[in-house]
Amino acid sequence: MNGAIKKRFLLLYGTQQGQSKAIAEEIGQQADHHGFTVDIFSLKDFKKVRNSM
């Protein structure tokens, strides 16, 4: 984006069989193409990250 500051957002998903993860990753790719920085975490992993802060 030509030096512009990217907007950032957090995308959380819950999955048992992987479908939600695939959808979240697709949303993340599309958001990146539109100039966003995306942090994608499963709910389980996000709890671990949040608890370590």
N, C-alpha and C. Protein backbone atom coordinates (compact mmCIF):
# COMPACT_ATOMS: atom_id res chain seq x y z
N MET A 1 0.81 -1.21 0.00
CA MET A 1 0.00 0.00 0.00
C MET A 1 0.85 1.26 0.00
N ASN A 2 1.89 1.33 -0.70
CA ASN A 2 2.67 2.53 -0.92
C ASN A 2 3.01 3.29 0.35
N GLY A 3 3.46 2.62 1.38
CA GLY A 3 3.89 3.26 2.60
C GLY A 3 2.78 3.66 3.55
N ALA A 4 1.55 3.44 3.19
CA ALA A 4 0.44 3.77 4.07
C ALA A 4 0.43 2.83 5.27
N ILE A 5 -0.07 3.34 6.37
CA ILE A 5 -0.17 2.51 7.57
C ILE A 5 -1.35 1.55 7.40
N LYS A 6 -1.08 0.28 7.63
CA LYS A 6 -2.14 -0.72 7.50
C LYS A 6 -2.98 -0.75 8.78
N LYS A 7 -4.27 -0.91 8.62
CA LYS A 7 -5.15 -1.12 9.76
C LYS A 7 -5.00 -2.57 10.19
N ARG A 8 -5.14 -2.80 11.48
CA ARG A 8 -4.92 -4.14 12.02
C ARG A 8 -6.19 -4.63 12.70
N PHE A 9 -6.46 -5.94 12.53
CA PHE A 9 -7.57 -6.51 13.28
C PHE A 9 -7.28 -7.95 13.68
N LEU A 10 -8.00 -8.38 14.68
CA LEU A 10 -7.86 -9.71 15.25
C LEU A 10 -9.01 -10.57 14.76
N LEU A 11 -8.68 -11.74 14.22
CA LEU A 11 -9.68 -12.68 13.73
C LEU A 11 -9.55 -13.97 14.53
N LEU A 12 -10.57 -14.29 15.29
CA LEU A 12 -10.58 -15.50 16.10
C LEU A 12 -11.57 -16.49 15.50
N TYR A 13 -11.23 -17.77 15.58
CA TYR A 13 -12.12 -18.80 15.05
C TYR A 13 -12.13 -19.99 16.00
N GLY A 14 -13.21 -20.71 15.97
CA GLY A 14 -13.32 -21.96 16.72
C GLY A 14 -13.59 -23.08 15.72
N THR A 15 -12.88 -24.18 15.85
CA THR A 15 -13.04 -25.26 14.86
C THR A 15 -12.81 -26.61 15.51
N GLN A 16 -13.45 -27.61 14.97
CA GLN A 16 -13.19 -28.98 15.39
C GLN A 16 -12.62 -29.79 14.23
N GLN A 17 -13.07 -29.46 13.03
CA GLN A 17 -12.64 -30.24 11.86
C GLN A 17 -11.82 -29.42 10.86
N GLY A 18 -11.56 -28.16 11.17
CA GLY A 18 -10.70 -27.36 10.32
C GLY A 18 -11.39 -26.43 9.34
N GLN A 19 -12.69 -26.56 9.17
CA GLN A 19 -13.38 -25.72 8.19
C GLN A 19 -13.34 -24.24 8.58
N SER A 20 -13.57 -23.95 9.85
CA SER A 20 -13.53 -22.55 10.29
C SER A 20 -12.15 -21.95 10.13
N LYS A 21 -11.11 -22.76 10.35
CA LYS A 21 -9.74 -22.28 10.15
C LYS A 21 -9.52 -21.90 8.70
N ALA A 22 -9.97 -22.74 7.79
CA ALA A 22 -9.81 -22.45 6.36
C ALA A 22 -10.54 -21.17 5.97
N ILE A 23 -11.72 -20.97 6.51
CA ILE A 23 -12.49 -19.76 6.22
C ILE A 23 -11.78 -18.54 6.80
N ALA A 24 -11.29 -18.64 8.03
CA ALA A 24 -10.57 -17.53 8.66
C ALA A 24 -9.33 -17.17 7.85
N GLU A 25 -8.61 -18.16 7.37
CA GLU A 25 -7.41 -17.89 6.57
C GLU A 25 -7.76 -17.21 5.26
N GLU A 26 -8.86 -17.60 4.65
CA GLU A 26 -9.31 -16.95 3.41
C GLU A 26 -9.69 -15.50 3.68
N ILE A 27 -10.41 -15.27 4.76
CA ILE A 27 -10.76 -13.89 5.14
C ILE A 27 -9.49 -13.08 5.38
N GLY A 28 -8.52 -13.68 6.05
CA GLY A 28 -7.25 -13.00 6.30
C GLY A 28 -6.53 -12.63 5.02
N GLN A 29 -6.52 -13.53 4.05
CA GLN A 29 -5.87 -13.24 2.76
C GLN A 29 -6.58 -12.10 2.04
N GLN A 30 -7.90 -12.14 2.05
CA GLN A 30 -8.66 -11.07 1.40
C GLN A 30 -8.44 -9.73 2.10
N ALA A 31 -8.41 -9.75 3.42
CA ALA A 31 -8.17 -8.52 4.17
C ALA A 31 -6.79 -7.96 3.86
N ASP A 32 -5.80 -8.84 3.75
CA ASP A 32 -4.44 -8.41 3.41
C ASP A 32 -4.41 -7.72 2.04
N HIS A 33 -5.14 -8.27 1.10
CA HIS A 33 -5.21 -7.66 -0.23
C HIS A 33 -5.87 -6.28 -0.20
N HIS A 34 -6.67 -6.04 0.83
CA HIS A 34 -7.35 -4.75 0.97
C HIS A 34 -6.64 -3.82 1.94
N GLY A 35 -5.41 -4.18 2.32
CA GLY A 35 -4.60 -3.27 3.11
C GLY A 35 -4.66 -3.44 4.61
N PHE A 36 -5.17 -4.55 5.09
CA PHE A 36 -5.24 -4.80 6.52
C PHE A 36 -4.14 -5.75 6.96
N THR A 37 -3.70 -5.60 8.18
CA THR A 37 -2.84 -6.57 8.83
C THR A 37 -3.74 -7.40 9.73
N VAL A 38 -3.68 -8.71 9.60
CA VAL A 38 -4.60 -9.58 10.31
C VAL A 38 -3.84 -10.53 11.23
N ASP A 39 -4.28 -10.61 12.47
CA ASP A 39 -3.78 -11.62 13.40
C ASP A 39 -4.86 -12.68 13.51
N ILE A 40 -4.54 -13.92 13.14
CA ILE A 40 -5.51 -15.01 13.13
C ILE A 40 -5.11 -16.03 14.19
N PHE A 41 -6.03 -16.32 15.10
CA PHE A 41 -5.80 -17.30 16.16
C PHE A 41 -7.03 -18.17 16.33
N SER A 42 -6.81 -19.44 16.66
CA SER A 42 -7.93 -20.25 17.14
C SER A 42 -8.24 -19.75 18.55
N LEU A 43 -9.45 -19.95 18.99
CA LEU A 43 -9.82 -19.52 20.34
C LEU A 43 -8.93 -20.19 21.38
N LYS A 44 -8.62 -21.45 21.17
CA LYS A 44 -7.78 -22.19 22.11
C LYS A 44 -6.39 -21.57 22.19
N ASP A 45 -5.79 -21.28 21.05
CA ASP A 45 -4.45 -20.69 21.04
C ASP A 45 -4.46 -19.26 21.56
N PHE A 46 -5.52 -18.52 21.26
CA PHE A 46 -5.59 -17.13 21.73
C PHE A 46 -5.64 -17.08 23.25
N LYS A 47 -6.34 -18.01 23.87
CA LYS A 47 -6.38 -18.05 25.33
C LYS A 47 -4.98 -18.25 25.90
N LYS A 48 -4.18 -19.09 25.25
CA LYS A 48 -2.80 -19.32 25.70
C LYS A 48 -1.97 -18.05 25.56
N VAL A 49 -2.11 -17.38 24.42
CA VAL A 49 -1.35 -16.15 24.18
C VAL A 49 -1.77 -15.08 25.17
N ARG A 50 -3.06 -14.92 25.35
CA ARG A 50 -3.58 -13.89 26.26
C ARG A 50 -3.14 -14.15 27.68
N ASN A 51 -3.14 -15.41 28.12
CA ASN A 51 -2.74 -15.73 29.49
C ASN A 51 -1.25 -15.53 29.72
N SER A 52 -0.45 -15.53 28.66
CA SER A 52 0.99 -15.34 28.82
C SER A 52 1.39 -13.87 28.81
N MET A 53 0.44 -12.98 28.60
CA MET A 53 0.73 -11.54 28.55
C MET A 53 0.86 -10.95 29.93
